[in-house]
Amino acid sequence: LTHLTTALGRPTVAIFGPSDSEKWSDQHAQHMVVRKNLPCSPCSIFGYHKLCRDVPCMATITVGSVVGAVTSLLDAEPETQGSID
């Protein structure tokens, strides 16, 4: 869904755990990634998943960190590229 919202030019917040945010996330000013930088994450490369029962890379992401990312994007100045002043 983040690729769809990016194509529509909308701000996006993506939560990453076992997958590689450097590889799969969108790269633009209106996109933020929320993830925990754990030694075991990312562990999903080309569909390979290590056996992980408690998924700490997802379990340690707090609601507050996601809300903070959303708030940061909503409070940011809209890009003025392409506008005429």
Foldseek 3Di string as FASTA:
>chain_A
DQVVCVVVVAAEEEEDAQDDCVPPPDDDPRYYYDWDPDPCPNVADPRDHDDDDPRCRPVVGDPVVRVVSVVVSVPDDDDCPPHDD
